[in-house]
Amino acid sequence: MLDTGVVIGFLDGNDVHHEAAHSALRAALDRHDRLVLPASAFADVLVGPSRKGVEAVAAVHGLVERVPIEIEPLGTEIAVAAATLRGHHRSLKLPDVIVIATASHLNADHLVTTDRGWPSKTKLRLRASIAKI
């Protein structure tokens, strides 16, 4: 499971997380991991490119397809789990709890984020390990 910052870091060579994101994605691909990005995080990734135009959005979409990174829709079950997490962890923002709830819903083994402020996997009651790059 990928968080927004990981994909943004991977795409932007000038991002402070670029090298770590590139290494994390390369390692996941070498292990033949299934890479998943919640639809809400994909929308967040596309904000910057949308300011540049349709071609930039298409380029990011094409890259996501080539890597490949699956886009997981936000359904009712994930939404309810995200709301519950947000209620218990007030320091977490809604975009973060959607990523965490999606990881839980899919029984992800690993959740990769650039956000250093997340609680531990134990506090979040997650099966997935959390890699903070």
N, C-alpha and C. Protein backbone atom coordinates (compact mmCIF):
# COMPACT_ATOMS: atom_id res chain seq x y z
N MET A 1 0.86 -1.17 0.00
CA MET A 1 0.00 0.00 0.00
C MET A 1 0.89 1.22 0.00
N LEU A 2 0.60 2.16 -0.89
CA LEU A 2 1.40 3.37 -1.02
C LEU A 2 0.61 4.58 -0.54
N ASP A 3 1.29 5.47 0.14
CA ASP A 3 0.72 6.74 0.55
C ASP A 3 1.08 7.78 -0.52
N THR A 4 0.35 8.86 -0.54
CA THR A 4 0.51 9.92 -1.53
C THR A 4 1.96 10.40 -1.66
N GLY A 5 2.60 10.69 -0.55
CA GLY A 5 3.95 11.25 -0.58
C GLY A 5 4.97 10.36 -1.25
N VAL A 6 4.76 9.06 -1.18
CA VAL A 6 5.69 8.12 -1.82
C VAL A 6 5.62 8.27 -3.34
N VAL A 7 4.41 8.33 -3.86
CA VAL A 7 4.25 8.45 -5.31
C VAL A 7 4.71 9.83 -5.79
N ILE A 8 4.36 10.88 -5.05
CA ILE A 8 4.83 12.21 -5.41
C ILE A 8 6.36 12.25 -5.38
N GLY A 9 6.95 11.70 -4.34
CA GLY A 9 8.41 11.64 -4.25
C GLY A 9 9.04 10.88 -5.40
N PHE A 10 8.42 9.79 -5.80
CA PHE A 10 8.92 9.00 -6.91
C PHE A 10 8.88 9.79 -8.21
N LEU A 11 7.79 10.52 -8.41
CA LEU A 11 7.60 11.26 -9.67
C LEU A 11 8.46 12.51 -9.79
N ASP A 12 8.76 13.14 -8.66
CA ASP A 12 9.45 14.43 -8.66
C ASP A 12 10.91 14.25 -8.25
N GLY A 13 11.80 14.36 -9.22
CA GLY A 13 13.22 14.20 -8.96
C GLY A 13 13.79 15.21 -7.99
N ASN A 14 13.09 16.32 -7.77
CA ASN A 14 13.55 17.35 -6.83
C ASN A 14 12.96 17.19 -5.43
N ASP A 15 12.05 16.24 -5.26
CA ASP A 15 11.41 16.02 -3.96
C ASP A 15 12.42 15.43 -2.98
N VAL A 16 12.34 15.84 -1.72
CA VAL A 16 13.24 15.36 -0.69
C VAL A 16 13.15 13.84 -0.51
N HIS A 17 12.02 13.25 -0.86
CA HIS A 17 11.82 11.80 -0.70
C HIS A 17 12.08 11.01 -1.99
N HIS A 18 12.58 11.67 -3.02
CA HIS A 18 12.72 11.01 -4.32
C HIS A 18 13.56 9.73 -4.25
N GLU A 19 14.75 9.81 -3.71
CA GLU A 19 15.64 8.64 -3.67
C GLU A 19 15.02 7.51 -2.85
N ALA A 20 14.48 7.83 -1.68
CA ALA A 20 13.88 6.80 -0.82
C ALA A 20 12.66 6.19 -1.47
N ALA A 21 11.84 7.02 -2.12
CA ALA A 21 10.64 6.51 -2.80
C ALA A 21 11.05 5.61 -3.97
N HIS A 22 12.03 6.03 -4.71
CA HIS A 22 12.52 5.23 -5.85
C HIS A 22 13.03 3.88 -5.35
N SER A 23 13.83 3.90 -4.29
CA SER A 23 14.36 2.66 -3.71
C SER A 23 13.25 1.75 -3.19
N ALA A 24 12.26 2.34 -2.51
CA ALA A 24 11.15 1.55 -1.96
C ALA A 24 10.33 0.90 -3.08
N LEU A 25 10.05 1.65 -4.13
CA LEU A 25 9.28 1.07 -5.24
C LEU A 25 10.09 0.03 -5.99
N ARG A 26 11.37 0.28 -6.19
CA ARG A 26 12.24 -0.70 -6.87
C ARG A 26 12.28 -2.00 -6.08
N ALA A 27 12.45 -1.91 -4.76
CA ALA A 27 12.48 -3.11 -3.91
C ALA A 27 11.15 -3.86 -3.98
N ALA A 28 10.04 -3.13 -3.96
CA ALA A 28 8.72 -3.77 -4.04
C ALA A 28 8.54 -4.48 -5.38
N LEU A 29 8.97 -3.84 -6.45
CA LEU A 29 8.85 -4.46 -7.78
C LEU A 29 9.76 -5.67 -7.89
N ASP A 30 10.96 -5.60 -7.32
CA ASP A 30 11.88 -6.74 -7.34
C ASP A 30 11.30 -7.94 -6.58
N ARG A 31 10.49 -7.66 -5.54
CA ARG A 31 9.84 -8.73 -4.77
C ARG A 31 8.54 -9.19 -5.43
N HIS A 32 8.18 -8.54 -6.52
CA HIS A 32 6.92 -8.81 -7.23
C HIS A 32 5.71 -8.51 -6.35
N ASP A 33 5.85 -7.47 -5.52
CA ASP A 33 4.73 -7.03 -4.69
C ASP A 33 3.63 -6.42 -5.56
N ARG A 34 2.42 -6.54 -5.12
CA ARG A 34 1.28 -5.84 -5.72
C ARG A 34 1.28 -4.44 -5.12
N LEU A 35 1.36 -3.42 -5.95
CA LEU A 35 1.37 -2.04 -5.48
C LEU A 35 -0.02 -1.45 -5.62
N VAL A 36 -0.51 -0.85 -4.53
CA VAL A 36 -1.87 -0.31 -4.50
C VAL A 36 -1.82 1.11 -3.96
N LEU A 37 -2.62 1.98 -4.57
CA LEU A 37 -2.76 3.37 -4.15
C LEU A 37 -4.25 3.65 -4.03
N PRO A 38 -4.71 4.10 -2.87
CA PRO A 38 -6.13 4.45 -2.75
C PRO A 38 -6.50 5.53 -3.76
N ALA A 39 -7.73 5.48 -4.26
CA ALA A 39 -8.20 6.47 -5.24
C ALA A 39 -8.07 7.89 -4.70
N SER A 40 -8.30 8.07 -3.41
CA SER A 40 -8.17 9.40 -2.81
C SER A 40 -6.73 9.90 -2.89
N ALA A 41 -5.77 9.00 -2.67
CA ALA A 41 -4.36 9.37 -2.75
C ALA A 41 -3.97 9.64 -4.21
N PHE A 42 -4.54 8.88 -5.14
CA PHE A 42 -4.28 9.12 -6.56
C PHE A 42 -4.76 10.52 -6.96
N ALA A 43 -5.92 10.91 -6.45
CA ALA A 43 -6.42 12.26 -6.72
C ALA A 43 -5.44 13.30 -6.17
N ASP A 44 -4.92 13.05 -4.98
CA ASP A 44 -3.96 13.96 -4.36
C ASP A 44 -2.68 14.05 -5.20
N VAL A 45 -2.21 12.91 -5.69
CA VAL A 45 -1.02 12.88 -6.55
C VAL A 45 -1.22 13.72 -7.80
N LEU A 46 -2.44 13.75 -8.32
CA LEU A 46 -2.73 14.44 -9.57
C LEU A 46 -2.95 15.95 -9.43
N VAL A 47 -2.97 16.46 -8.21
CA VAL A 47 -3.21 17.90 -8.01
C VAL A 47 -2.13 18.74 -8.70
N GLY A 48 -0.88 18.46 -8.42
CA GLY A 48 0.22 19.22 -9.04
C GLY A 48 0.21 19.12 -10.55
N PRO A 49 0.16 17.90 -11.11
CA PRO A 49 0.11 17.77 -12.56
C PRO A 49 -1.10 18.45 -13.19
N SER A 50 -2.24 18.47 -12.49
CA SER A 50 -3.43 19.11 -13.06
C SER A 50 -3.23 20.61 -13.25
N ARG A 51 -2.36 21.19 -12.44
CA ARG A 51 -2.05 22.62 -12.60
C ARG A 51 -1.24 22.88 -13.87
N LYS A 52 -0.55 21.83 -14.33
CA LYS A 52 0.29 21.96 -15.54
C LYS A 52 -0.48 21.64 -16.81
N GLY A 53 -1.59 20.91 -16.68
CA GLY A 53 -2.39 20.63 -17.86
C GLY A 53 -2.69 19.15 -18.07
N VAL A 54 -3.50 18.92 -19.08
CA VAL A 54 -3.98 17.58 -19.40
C VAL A 54 -2.83 16.62 -19.71
N GLU A 55 -1.81 17.10 -20.38
CA GLU A 55 -0.69 16.24 -20.75
C GLU A 55 0.05 15.72 -19.52
N ALA A 56 0.23 16.59 -18.52
CA ALA A 56 0.91 16.18 -17.29
C ALA A 56 0.10 15.14 -16.54
N VAL A 57 -1.21 15.32 -16.49
CA VAL A 57 -2.08 14.33 -15.84
C VAL A 57 -2.00 13.01 -16.59
N ALA A 58 -2.05 13.05 -17.90
CA ALA A 58 -1.96 11.83 -18.71
C ALA A 58 -0.62 11.13 -18.51
N ALA A 59 0.45 11.89 -18.37
CA ALA A 59 1.77 11.30 -18.16
C ALA A 59 1.82 10.55 -16.83
N VAL A 60 1.26 11.15 -15.78
CA VAL A 60 1.24 10.48 -14.47
C VAL A 60 0.37 9.23 -14.54
N HIS A 61 -0.78 9.35 -15.17
CA HIS A 61 -1.68 8.20 -15.30
C HIS A 61 -0.99 7.08 -16.06
N GLY A 62 -0.28 7.42 -17.12
CA GLY A 62 0.44 6.42 -17.90
C GLY A 62 1.53 5.74 -17.09
N LEU A 63 2.24 6.51 -16.28
CA LEU A 63 3.28 5.94 -15.44
C LEU A 63 2.70 4.97 -14.42
N VAL A 64 1.57 5.35 -13.82
CA VAL A 64 0.91 4.48 -12.84
C VAL A 64 0.51 3.15 -13.49
N GLU A 65 0.06 3.21 -14.73
CA GLU A 65 -0.30 1.98 -15.45
C GLU A 65 0.93 1.14 -15.79
N ARG A 66 2.03 1.78 -16.15
CA ARG A 66 3.23 1.04 -16.54
C ARG A 66 3.95 0.40 -15.36
N VAL A 67 3.91 1.00 -14.18
CA VAL A 67 4.71 0.50 -13.04
C VAL A 67 4.37 -0.96 -12.71
N PRO A 68 3.23 -1.48 -12.55
CA PRO A 68 1.90 -0.93 -12.41
C PRO A 68 1.53 -0.69 -10.94
N ILE A 69 0.73 0.34 -10.75
CA ILE A 69 0.15 0.65 -9.44
C ILE A 69 -1.36 0.58 -9.59
N GLU A 70 -1.98 -0.30 -8.83
CA GLU A 70 -3.45 -0.42 -8.88
C GLU A 70 -4.08 0.70 -8.07
N ILE A 71 -5.17 1.23 -8.58
CA ILE A 71 -5.92 2.27 -7.87
C ILE A 71 -7.12 1.59 -7.21
N GLU A 72 -7.18 1.67 -5.88
CA GLU A 72 -8.25 1.03 -5.10
C GLU A 72 -9.36 2.05 -4.82
N PRO A 73 -10.58 1.75 -5.27
CA PRO A 73 -11.69 2.69 -5.02
C PRO A 73 -12.04 2.79 -3.53
N LEU A 74 -12.63 3.92 -3.19
CA LEU A 74 -13.11 4.13 -1.83
C LEU A 74 -14.55 3.65 -1.76
N GLY A 75 -14.75 2.54 -1.07
CA GLY A 75 -16.09 2.01 -0.91
C GLY A 75 -16.60 2.27 0.50
N THR A 76 -17.81 1.84 0.74
CA THR A 76 -18.47 2.07 2.03
C THR A 76 -17.67 1.49 3.19
N GLU A 77 -17.19 0.27 3.06
CA GLU A 77 -16.46 -0.38 4.15
C GLU A 77 -15.19 0.39 4.52
N ILE A 78 -14.45 0.83 3.51
CA ILE A 78 -13.24 1.61 3.76
C ILE A 78 -13.59 2.96 4.38
N ALA A 79 -14.65 3.58 3.89
CA ALA A 79 -15.07 4.88 4.42
C ALA A 79 -15.44 4.78 5.90
N VAL A 80 -16.17 3.75 6.27
CA VAL A 80 -16.55 3.56 7.68
C VAL A 80 -15.31 3.31 8.54
N ALA A 81 -14.41 2.46 8.04
CA ALA A 81 -13.18 2.19 8.79
C ALA A 81 -12.34 3.45 8.94
N ALA A 82 -12.27 4.28 7.88
CA ALA A 82 -11.52 5.53 7.94
C ALA A 82 -12.12 6.48 8.98
N ALA A 83 -13.44 6.57 9.00
CA ALA A 83 -14.11 7.44 9.97
C ALA A 83 -13.83 6.97 11.40
N THR A 84 -13.84 5.67 11.61
CA THR A 84 -13.55 5.11 12.93
C THR A 84 -12.12 5.43 13.35
N LEU A 85 -11.18 5.25 12.43
CA LEU A 85 -9.78 5.57 12.71
C LEU A 85 -9.62 7.06 13.04
N ARG A 86 -10.26 7.90 12.27
CA ARG A 86 -10.19 9.35 12.48
C ARG A 86 -10.75 9.72 13.85
N GLY A 87 -11.81 9.02 14.24
CA GLY A 87 -12.40 9.28 15.55
C GLY A 87 -11.48 8.89 16.70
N HIS A 88 -10.66 7.86 16.51
CA HIS A 88 -9.76 7.39 17.56
C HIS A 88 -8.38 8.05 17.52
N HIS A 89 -8.01 8.58 16.37
CA HIS A 89 -6.68 9.17 16.19
C HIS A 89 -6.86 10.58 15.61
N ARG A 90 -7.19 11.50 16.47
CA ARG A 90 -7.53 12.86 16.03
C ARG A 90 -6.37 13.59 15.37
N SER A 91 -5.15 13.13 15.62
CA SER A 91 -3.99 13.79 15.01
C SER A 91 -3.86 13.44 13.53
N LEU A 92 -4.51 12.36 13.11
CA LEU A 92 -4.43 11.94 11.70
C LEU A 92 -5.49 12.67 10.87
N LYS A 93 -5.08 13.07 9.69
CA LYS A 93 -5.99 13.75 8.76
C LYS A 93 -6.77 12.70 7.97
N LEU A 94 -7.91 13.11 7.41
CA LEU A 94 -8.76 12.19 6.65
C LEU A 94 -8.01 11.50 5.51
N PRO A 95 -7.19 12.20 4.71
CA PRO A 95 -6.47 11.48 3.64
C PRO A 95 -5.59 10.35 4.19
N ASP A 96 -4.97 10.56 5.35
CA ASP A 96 -4.13 9.53 5.94
C ASP A 96 -4.94 8.33 6.41
N VAL A 97 -6.06 8.58 7.08
CA VAL A 97 -6.85 7.44 7.57
C VAL A 97 -7.48 6.66 6.43
N ILE A 98 -7.73 7.31 5.31
CA ILE A 98 -8.23 6.55 4.15
C ILE A 98 -7.16 5.59 3.64
N VAL A 99 -5.92 6.04 3.59
CA VAL A 99 -4.82 5.15 3.18
C VAL A 99 -4.69 3.99 4.16
N ILE A 100 -4.71 4.30 5.44
CA ILE A 100 -4.56 3.27 6.47
C ILE A 100 -5.73 2.29 6.44
N ALA A 101 -6.95 2.81 6.30
CA ALA A 101 -8.14 1.94 6.24
C ALA A 101 -8.11 1.07 4.99
N THR A 102 -7.61 1.60 3.89
CA THR A 102 -7.51 0.80 2.66
C THR A 102 -6.50 -0.32 2.84
N ALA A 103 -5.38 -0.02 3.48
CA ALA A 103 -4.37 -1.05 3.76
C ALA A 103 -4.97 -2.16 4.62
N SER A 104 -5.73 -1.77 5.63
CA SER A 104 -6.37 -2.74 6.50
C SER A 104 -7.40 -3.57 5.73
N HIS A 105 -8.21 -2.91 4.94
CA HIS A 105 -9.26 -3.58 4.16
C HIS A 105 -8.67 -4.63 3.22
N LEU A 106 -7.52 -4.31 2.63
CA LEU A 106 -6.89 -5.23 1.67
C LEU A 106 -5.91 -6.20 2.32
N ASN A 107 -5.81 -6.15 3.66
CA ASN A 107 -4.85 -6.99 4.38
C ASN A 107 -3.44 -6.84 3.84
N ALA A 108 -3.04 -5.59 3.59
CA ALA A 108 -1.72 -5.31 3.04
C ALA A 108 -0.63 -5.78 4.00
N ASP A 109 0.47 -6.25 3.42
CA ASP A 109 1.63 -6.65 4.21
C ASP A 109 2.47 -5.44 4.61
N HIS A 110 2.53 -4.45 3.72
CA HIS A 110 3.37 -3.28 3.95
C HIS A 110 2.62 -2.02 3.57
N LEU A 111 2.82 -0.97 4.33
CA LEU A 111 2.28 0.35 4.03
C LEU A 111 3.47 1.31 4.03
N VAL A 112 3.69 1.97 2.90
CA VAL A 112 4.85 2.86 2.76
C VAL A 112 4.36 4.30 2.74
N THR A 113 4.96 5.12 3.60
CA THR A 113 4.55 6.52 3.73
C THR A 113 5.77 7.41 3.91
N THR A 114 5.59 8.69 3.63
CA THR A 114 6.61 9.69 3.94
C THR A 114 6.24 10.43 5.22
N ASP A 115 5.09 10.11 5.78
CA ASP A 115 4.57 10.81 6.96
C ASP A 115 5.16 10.20 8.23
N ARG A 116 5.98 10.95 8.91
CA ARG A 116 6.64 10.45 10.12
C ARG A 116 5.76 10.56 11.37
N GLY A 117 4.60 11.21 11.25
CA GLY A 117 3.76 11.46 12.41
C GLY A 117 2.71 10.40 12.69
N TRP A 118 2.68 9.35 11.91
CA TRP A 118 1.67 8.32 12.13
C TRP A 118 1.98 7.51 13.38
N PRO A 119 0.93 7.07 14.08
CA PRO A 119 1.13 6.14 15.20
C PRO A 119 1.69 4.80 14.70
N SER A 120 2.13 3.97 15.62
CA SER A 120 2.67 2.66 15.26
C SER A 120 1.56 1.75 14.71
N LYS A 121 1.99 0.68 14.05
CA LYS A 121 1.01 -0.27 13.52
C LYS A 121 0.19 -0.90 14.65
N THR A 122 0.79 -1.06 15.82
CA THR A 122 0.07 -1.62 16.97
C THR A 122 -1.05 -0.69 17.40
N LYS A 123 -0.75 0.61 17.50
CA LYS A 123 -1.77 1.57 17.90
C LYS A 123 -2.86 1.70 16.85
N LEU A 124 -2.49 1.49 15.59
CA LEU A 124 -3.48 1.56 14.51
C LEU A 124 -4.21 0.23 14.30
N ARG A 125 -3.74 -0.79 15.01
CA ARG A 125 -4.30 -2.15 14.89
C ARG A 125 -4.20 -2.65 13.44
N LEU A 126 -3.03 -2.49 12.88
CA LEU A 126 -2.76 -2.89 11.51
C LEU A 126 -1.96 -4.18 11.46
N ARG A 127 -2.23 -4.99 10.48
CA ARG A 127 -1.44 -6.17 10.20
C ARG A 127 -0.17 -5.74 9.47
N ALA A 128 -0.30 -4.75 8.61
CA ALA A 128 0.80 -4.30 7.76
C ALA A 128 1.90 -3.62 8.56
N SER A 129 3.12 -3.86 8.12
CA SER A 129 4.23 -3.07 8.66
C SER A 129 4.13 -1.67 8.05
N ILE A 130 4.61 -0.67 8.77
CA ILE A 130 4.61 0.69 8.26
C ILE A 130 6.04 1.11 8.03
N ALA A 131 6.37 1.37 6.77
CA ALA A 131 7.71 1.84 6.42
C ALA A 131 7.63 3.34 6.20
N LYS A 132 8.30 4.09 7.05
CA LYS A 132 8.33 5.55 6.93
C LYS A 132 9.62 5.93 6.24
N ILE A 133 9.51 6.37 4.99
CA ILE A 133 10.73 6.69 4.24
C ILE A 133 11.02 8.17 4.30
